[in-house]
N, C-alpha and C. Protein backbone atom coordinates (compact mmCIF):
# COMPACT_ATOMS: atom_id res chain seq x y z
N UNK A 1 33.95 33.00 76.81
CA UNK A 1 33.52 33.11 75.43
C UNK A 1 33.82 31.28 74.94
N UNK A 2 33.02 30.65 74.04
CA UNK A 2 32.59 29.14 74.27
C UNK A 2 34.06 29.07 72.72
N UNK A 3 34.61 27.97 73.36
CA UNK A 3 36.01 27.40 72.04
C UNK A 3 35.30 26.72 70.84
N UNK A 4 34.08 26.54 71.20
CA UNK A 4 33.59 25.92 69.91
C UNK A 4 31.80 26.15 69.65
N UNK A 5 31.18 25.87 68.20
CA UNK A 5 29.89 26.29 68.03
C UNK A 5 29.31 25.23 67.30
N UNK A 6 28.33 24.92 66.83
CA UNK A 6 27.69 24.08 65.92
C UNK A 6 27.21 25.22 65.02
N UNK A 7 27.52 24.64 63.62
CA UNK A 7 27.06 25.39 62.43
C UNK A 7 26.42 24.05 61.49
N UNK A 8 25.11 23.81 61.31
CA UNK A 8 24.44 22.87 60.20
C UNK A 8 24.84 21.66 61.22
N UNK A 9 24.89 21.38 62.31
CA UNK A 9 24.73 20.13 62.79
C UNK A 9 26.32 19.56 63.27
N UNK A 10 27.17 20.60 62.68
CA UNK A 10 28.73 20.28 62.90
C UNK A 10 28.98 20.90 63.69
N UNK A 11 30.22 20.60 64.99
CA UNK A 11 30.77 21.29 65.80
C UNK A 11 31.79 21.82 65.02
N UNK A 12 32.21 23.37 65.16
CA UNK A 12 33.38 23.82 64.58
C UNK A 12 34.20 24.85 66.12
N UNK A 13 35.68 24.10 66.14
CA UNK A 13 35.96 24.85 67.24
C UNK A 13 36.99 26.13 66.56
N UNK A 14 36.39 27.14 67.64
CA UNK A 14 37.46 28.39 67.60
C UNK A 14 38.55 28.37 66.41
N UNK A 15 39.60 27.20 66.60
CA UNK A 15 40.85 27.19 66.30
C UNK A 15 40.62 26.53 65.14
N UNK A 16 39.83 25.74 64.95
CA UNK A 16 39.66 25.41 63.72
C UNK A 16 39.47 26.53 62.68
N UNK A 17 38.89 27.38 63.08
CA UNK A 17 38.15 28.69 62.29
C UNK A 17 39.62 29.52 61.99
N UNK A 18 40.28 29.58 63.16
CA UNK A 18 41.32 30.10 62.79
C UNK A 18 42.55 29.66 62.28
N UNK A 19 42.42 28.41 61.71
CA UNK A 19 43.64 27.83 61.39
C UNK A 19 43.09 27.51 59.62
N UNK A 20 41.38 27.94 59.19
CA UNK A 20 41.13 27.79 58.21
C UNK A 20 41.90 29.20 57.26
N UNK A 21 42.01 28.61 55.89
CA UNK A 21 42.51 29.85 55.08
C UNK A 21 41.13 30.48 54.96
N UNK A 22 41.29 31.86 54.72
CA UNK A 22 40.08 32.55 54.37
C UNK A 22 39.14 32.42 52.96
N UNK A 23 39.49 31.16 52.33
CA UNK A 23 38.83 30.63 51.28
C UNK A 23 37.67 29.51 52.15
N UNK A 24 38.49 28.97 52.69
CA UNK A 24 37.95 27.92 53.59
C UNK A 24 37.01 28.89 54.41
N UNK A 25 37.08 29.96 55.40
CA UNK A 25 36.07 30.15 55.92
C UNK A 25 34.81 30.56 55.13
N UNK A 26 35.49 31.19 53.94
CA UNK A 26 34.48 31.99 53.32
C UNK A 26 33.55 31.14 52.64
N UNK A 27 34.19 29.68 52.43
CA UNK A 27 33.02 28.60 52.06
C UNK A 27 32.31 28.33 53.17
N UNK A 28 32.56 28.08 54.49
CA UNK A 28 31.67 27.96 55.80
C UNK A 28 30.62 29.03 56.04
N UNK A 29 30.90 30.04 55.57
CA UNK A 29 29.58 31.47 55.15
C UNK A 29 28.95 30.92 54.24
N UNK A 30 29.33 30.62 53.24
CA UNK A 30 28.37 30.43 51.92
C UNK A 30 27.81 29.13 52.01
N UNK A 31 28.69 28.21 52.87
CA UNK A 31 27.29 27.30 53.05
C UNK A 31 26.34 27.57 53.65
N UNK A 32 26.36 28.12 55.49
CA UNK A 32 25.40 28.24 56.23
C UNK A 32 24.39 29.54 55.81
N UNK A 33 25.04 30.58 55.20
CA UNK A 33 24.44 32.15 54.64
C UNK A 33 24.97 32.46 53.34
N UNK A 34 24.01 31.91 52.14
CA UNK A 34 24.56 32.34 50.84
C UNK A 34 24.44 33.82 50.40
N UNK A 35 23.27 34.34 51.11
CA UNK A 35 23.41 35.38 50.48
C UNK A 35 24.17 36.42 51.09
N UNK A 36 24.43 36.17 53.00
CA UNK A 36 25.19 37.09 53.44
C UNK A 36 26.66 36.77 52.60
N UNK A 37 27.14 35.48 52.31
CA UNK A 37 28.64 35.16 51.64
C UNK A 37 28.67 35.95 50.12
N UNK A 38 27.55 36.37 49.84
CA UNK A 38 27.47 37.42 48.23
C UNK A 38 27.51 38.71 48.71
N UNK A 39 26.98 38.88 49.45
CA UNK A 39 27.42 40.33 50.13
C UNK A 39 28.91 40.61 50.76
N UNK A 40 29.23 39.87 51.44
CA UNK A 40 30.83 39.73 51.79
C UNK A 40 31.66 39.82 51.05
N UNK A 41 31.78 38.96 49.87
CA UNK A 41 31.88 38.20 48.65
C UNK A 41 33.79 37.81 49.16
N UNK A 42 34.34 37.83 50.01
CA UNK A 42 35.61 37.38 50.44
C UNK A 42 35.47 37.80 51.81
N UNK A 43 36.46 36.44 52.52
CA UNK A 43 37.26 36.94 53.79
C UNK A 43 38.50 37.43 53.57
N UNK A 44 39.08 38.36 54.37
CA UNK A 44 40.81 39.03 54.19
C UNK A 44 40.72 39.43 55.73
N UNK A 45 41.90 39.69 55.79
CA UNK A 45 42.07 40.53 57.05
C UNK A 45 41.61 41.47 57.77
N UNK A 46 40.44 41.95 56.92
CA UNK A 46 39.88 42.94 57.76
C UNK A 46 38.69 42.77 57.81
N UNK A 47 38.11 41.53 57.55
CA UNK A 47 36.84 40.88 58.13
C UNK A 47 36.89 39.66 58.79
N UNK A 48 38.15 39.07 58.59
CA UNK A 48 38.04 37.50 59.08
C UNK A 48 37.11 37.37 60.42
N UNK A 49 38.10 38.11 61.68
CA UNK A 49 37.33 38.25 62.97
C UNK A 49 35.88 38.62 63.06
N UNK A 50 35.50 39.04 62.27
CA UNK A 50 33.69 39.29 62.19
C UNK A 50 33.07 38.52 61.34
N UNK A 51 33.73 37.93 60.49
CA UNK A 51 33.03 36.54 59.71
C UNK A 51 32.86 35.44 61.01
N UNK A 52 33.74 35.39 61.28
CA UNK A 52 33.71 34.24 62.40
C UNK A 52 32.74 34.57 63.78
N UNK A 53 33.07 35.97 64.32
CA UNK A 53 31.66 36.13 65.69
C UNK A 53 30.57 36.08 64.72
N UNK A 54 30.31 36.65 63.33
CA UNK A 54 28.83 36.18 62.72
C UNK A 54 28.66 34.80 62.96
N UNK A 55 29.44 33.85 62.71
CA UNK A 55 29.00 32.15 62.14
C UNK A 55 28.61 32.10 63.96
N UNK A 56 29.59 32.21 65.06
CA UNK A 56 29.07 31.92 66.24
C UNK A 56 27.61 32.86 66.57
N UNK A 57 27.44 33.96 66.21
CA UNK A 57 26.54 34.20 66.58
C UNK A 57 24.76 33.58 65.88
N UNK A 58 25.41 33.15 64.29
CA UNK A 58 24.05 32.15 64.02
C UNK A 58 23.74 30.76 65.06
N UNK A 59 24.91 30.00 65.44
CA UNK A 59 24.81 28.99 66.04
C UNK A 59 24.01 29.29 67.36
N UNK A 60 24.71 30.33 68.05
CA UNK A 60 24.01 30.63 69.40
C UNK A 60 22.17 31.04 69.12
N UNK A 61 21.90 31.41 68.01
CA UNK A 61 20.51 31.84 67.55
C UNK A 61 19.86 30.67 67.23
N UNK A 62 20.48 29.58 66.74
CA UNK A 62 20.15 28.37 66.38
C UNK A 62 19.69 27.51 67.50
N UNK A 63 19.95 27.62 68.44
CA UNK A 63 20.56 26.57 69.86
C UNK A 63 19.36 27.38 70.80
């Protein structure tokens, strides 16, 4: 599993994501995929790992 991924030209480490608050993680999602963020509405314990995995997926598709 990669330890970091790129989102909009910035490298984001998995450690960074783990340390982010739910609001910061939601902001990262909103910045990169606003329509998905509207659907998700918030990041919480039940969807946090899924959001991180989705951001990783986005970075892999862009490369």
